[in-house]
């Protein structure tokens, strides 16, 4: 699993489980089961809002919806 896939899984798990602490625990568990290092999971969690969107330092929200390869 690459980093983009890990971020995507974390965000989708957060959204699917309703976010907040329960969502974070579920998302972290999903990534742990896929052998993603704890440091990487923590770094991802800092960038994801409680409702499962990627956040910038100034508050902009983004969603990973579709990734394509060329």
N, C-alpha and C. Protein backbone atom coordinates (compact mmCIF):
# COMPACT_ATOMS: atom_id res chain seq x y z
N UNK A 1 0.86 -1.17 0.00
CA UNK A 1 0.00 0.00 0.00
C UNK A 1 0.90 1.23 0.00
N UNK A 2 0.64 2.16 -0.92
CA UNK A 2 1.44 3.38 -0.93
C UNK A 2 0.79 4.45 -0.06
N UNK A 3 1.46 5.59 0.05
CA UNK A 3 0.98 6.65 0.95
C UNK A 3 -0.38 7.19 0.53
N UNK A 4 -0.59 7.42 -0.75
CA UNK A 4 -1.88 7.95 -1.21
C UNK A 4 -3.00 6.97 -0.88
N UNK A 5 -2.76 5.68 -1.08
CA UNK A 5 -3.77 4.67 -0.74
C UNK A 5 -4.05 4.66 0.76
N UNK A 6 -3.02 4.84 1.56
CA UNK A 6 -3.19 4.87 3.02
C UNK A 6 -4.01 6.09 3.44
N UNK A 7 -3.73 7.24 2.87
CA UNK A 7 -4.50 8.46 3.18
C UNK A 7 -5.94 8.27 2.75
N UNK A 8 -6.12 7.73 1.58
CA UNK A 8 -7.47 7.51 1.06
C UNK A 8 -8.26 6.58 1.97
N UNK A 9 -7.65 5.47 2.39
CA UNK A 9 -8.32 4.52 3.28
C UNK A 9 -8.65 5.18 4.62
N UNK A 10 -7.72 5.96 5.15
CA UNK A 10 -7.95 6.65 6.43
C UNK A 10 -9.16 7.58 6.30
N UNK A 11 -9.18 8.39 5.26
CA UNK A 11 -10.29 9.34 5.06
C UNK A 11 -11.62 8.63 4.89
N UNK A 12 -11.64 7.61 4.03
CA UNK A 12 -12.89 6.90 3.78
C UNK A 12 -13.39 6.17 5.03
N UNK A 13 -12.48 5.61 5.80
CA UNK A 13 -12.87 4.94 7.04
C UNK A 13 -13.44 5.96 8.02
N UNK A 14 -12.80 7.12 8.11
CA UNK A 14 -13.31 8.18 8.99
C UNK A 14 -14.73 8.57 8.58
N UNK A 15 -14.95 8.76 7.29
CA UNK A 15 -16.27 9.16 6.81
C UNK A 15 -17.31 8.06 7.02
N UNK A 16 -16.91 6.83 6.77
CA UNK A 16 -17.83 5.69 6.89
C UNK A 16 -18.27 5.46 8.34
N UNK A 17 -17.37 5.71 9.29
CA UNK A 17 -17.68 5.43 10.69
C UNK A 17 -18.19 6.64 11.45
N UNK A 18 -18.36 7.75 10.78
CA UNK A 18 -18.92 8.93 11.44
C UNK A 18 -17.91 9.89 12.01
N UNK A 19 -16.63 9.61 11.82
CA UNK A 19 -15.58 10.55 12.24
C UNK A 19 -15.35 10.57 13.73
N UNK A 20 -14.81 11.69 14.18
CA UNK A 20 -14.45 11.92 15.58
C UNK A 20 -13.53 10.81 16.11
N UNK A 21 -13.52 10.58 17.40
CA UNK A 21 -12.58 9.64 18.02
C UNK A 21 -12.83 8.21 17.55
N UNK A 22 -14.08 7.79 17.49
CA UNK A 22 -14.38 6.43 17.04
C UNK A 22 -13.90 6.21 15.61
N UNK A 23 -14.07 7.20 14.77
CA UNK A 23 -13.60 7.10 13.39
C UNK A 23 -12.09 7.04 13.31
N UNK A 24 -11.43 7.84 14.13
CA UNK A 24 -9.97 7.84 14.14
C UNK A 24 -9.43 6.48 14.61
N UNK A 25 -10.07 5.93 15.62
CA UNK A 25 -9.64 4.61 16.10
C UNK A 25 -9.84 3.54 15.03
N UNK A 26 -10.97 3.58 14.35
CA UNK A 26 -11.23 2.61 13.28
C UNK A 26 -10.25 2.77 12.12
N UNK A 27 -10.00 4.02 11.74
CA UNK A 27 -9.09 4.29 10.62
C UNK A 27 -7.67 3.87 10.98
N UNK A 28 -7.25 4.16 12.19
CA UNK A 28 -5.91 3.75 12.62
C UNK A 28 -5.79 2.23 12.66
N UNK A 29 -6.83 1.56 13.11
CA UNK A 29 -6.82 0.10 13.15
C UNK A 29 -6.74 -0.49 11.74
N UNK A 30 -7.50 0.10 10.80
CA UNK A 30 -7.46 -0.37 9.41
C UNK A 30 -6.04 -0.28 8.85
N UNK A 31 -5.36 0.83 9.10
CA UNK A 31 -4.01 1.01 8.58
C UNK A 31 -3.02 0.11 9.31
N UNK A 32 -3.18 -0.06 10.61
CA UNK A 32 -2.30 -0.94 11.38
C UNK A 32 -2.38 -2.38 10.87
N UNK A 33 -3.59 -2.81 10.53
CA UNK A 33 -3.77 -4.17 10.02
C UNK A 33 -3.10 -4.36 8.67
N UNK A 34 -2.84 -3.26 7.97
CA UNK A 34 -2.14 -3.32 6.68
C UNK A 34 -0.65 -3.01 6.83
N UNK A 35 -0.18 -3.08 8.09
CA UNK A 35 1.23 -2.92 8.44
C UNK A 35 1.81 -1.55 8.08
N UNK A 36 0.97 -0.51 8.16
CA UNK A 36 1.45 0.86 7.99
C UNK A 36 2.08 1.26 9.32
N UNK A 37 3.30 1.82 9.30
CA UNK A 37 3.96 2.21 10.56
C UNK A 37 3.15 3.24 11.35
N UNK A 38 3.22 3.12 12.66
CA UNK A 38 2.47 4.01 13.56
C UNK A 38 2.80 5.48 13.31
N UNK A 39 4.06 5.79 13.02
CA UNK A 39 4.45 7.18 12.75
C UNK A 39 3.73 7.74 11.53
N UNK A 40 3.56 6.91 10.51
CA UNK A 40 2.87 7.33 9.30
C UNK A 40 1.38 7.54 9.60
N UNK A 41 0.79 6.64 10.36
CA UNK A 41 -0.62 6.77 10.73
C UNK A 41 -0.84 8.07 11.51
N UNK A 42 0.04 8.38 12.44
CA UNK A 42 -0.08 9.62 13.22
C UNK A 42 0.05 10.84 12.32
N UNK A 43 0.98 10.80 11.37
CA UNK A 43 1.15 11.93 10.45
C UNK A 43 -0.10 12.13 9.60
N UNK A 44 -0.70 11.05 9.15
CA UNK A 44 -1.94 11.15 8.38
C UNK A 44 -3.05 11.73 9.25
N UNK A 45 -3.15 11.27 10.48
CA UNK A 45 -4.23 11.73 11.37
C UNK A 45 -4.17 13.23 11.64
N UNK A 46 -2.97 13.81 11.65
CA UNK A 46 -2.83 15.25 11.86
C UNK A 46 -3.37 16.07 10.70
N UNK A 47 -3.42 15.46 9.53
CA UNK A 47 -3.85 16.17 8.32
C UNK A 47 -5.31 15.93 7.97
N UNK A 48 -6.00 15.09 8.73
CA UNK A 48 -7.38 14.74 8.42
C UNK A 48 -8.30 15.30 9.50
N UNK A 49 -9.35 15.98 9.05
CA UNK A 49 -10.31 16.58 9.98
C UNK A 49 -11.17 15.50 10.63
N UNK A 50 -11.95 15.89 11.63
CA UNK A 50 -12.81 14.94 12.34
C UNK A 50 -13.92 14.38 11.46
N UNK A 51 -14.21 15.03 10.32
CA UNK A 51 -15.22 14.48 9.43
C UNK A 51 -14.61 13.78 8.22
N UNK A 52 -13.28 13.56 8.24
CA UNK A 52 -12.65 12.71 7.24
C UNK A 52 -12.14 13.40 5.99
N UNK A 53 -11.86 14.70 6.08
CA UNK A 53 -11.32 15.42 4.93
C UNK A 53 -9.90 15.87 5.21
N UNK A 54 -9.08 15.93 4.17
CA UNK A 54 -7.72 16.42 4.31
C UNK A 54 -7.78 17.92 4.53
N UNK A 55 -7.03 18.42 5.51
CA UNK A 55 -7.05 19.84 5.86
C UNK A 55 -5.68 20.47 5.63
N UNK A 56 -5.68 21.73 5.20
CA UNK A 56 -4.44 22.48 5.11
C UNK A 56 -4.28 23.29 6.39
N UNK A 57 -3.12 23.88 6.58
CA UNK A 57 -2.87 24.67 7.79
C UNK A 57 -3.81 25.87 7.90
N UNK A 58 -4.28 26.40 6.76
CA UNK A 58 -5.17 27.55 6.82
C UNK A 58 -6.65 27.17 6.73
N UNK A 59 -6.96 25.87 6.88
CA UNK A 59 -8.34 25.44 7.01
C UNK A 59 -9.03 24.97 5.74
N UNK A 60 -8.36 24.94 4.60
CA UNK A 60 -8.99 24.45 3.38
C UNK A 60 -9.20 22.95 3.48
N UNK A 61 -10.31 22.48 2.91
CA UNK A 61 -10.63 21.04 2.95
C UNK A 61 -10.53 20.44 1.56
N UNK A 62 -10.03 19.22 1.50
CA UNK A 62 -9.91 18.50 0.24
C UNK A 62 -10.41 17.08 0.43
N UNK A 63 -10.85 16.47 -0.64
CA UNK A 63 -11.26 15.06 -0.60
C UNK A 63 -10.53 14.32 -1.70
N UNK A 64 -10.06 13.13 -1.40
CA UNK A 64 -9.48 12.27 -2.41
C UNK A 64 -10.63 11.43 -2.96
N UNK A 65 -10.96 11.66 -4.21
CA UNK A 65 -12.09 10.94 -4.77
C UNK A 65 -11.69 9.95 -5.85
N UNK A 66 -10.85 10.35 -6.78
CA UNK A 66 -10.45 9.46 -7.86
C UNK A 66 -9.01 9.74 -8.23
N UNK A 67 -8.22 8.70 -8.29
CA UNK A 67 -6.83 8.82 -8.69
C UNK A 67 -6.63 8.00 -9.95
N UNK A 68 -5.94 8.56 -10.91
CA UNK A 68 -5.66 7.82 -12.12
C UNK A 68 -4.16 7.75 -12.34
N UNK A 69 -3.75 6.78 -13.08
CA UNK A 69 -2.33 6.65 -13.41
C UNK A 69 -2.16 6.88 -14.90
N UNK A 70 -1.00 7.37 -15.26
CA UNK A 70 -0.75 7.60 -16.69
C UNK A 70 0.42 6.76 -17.15
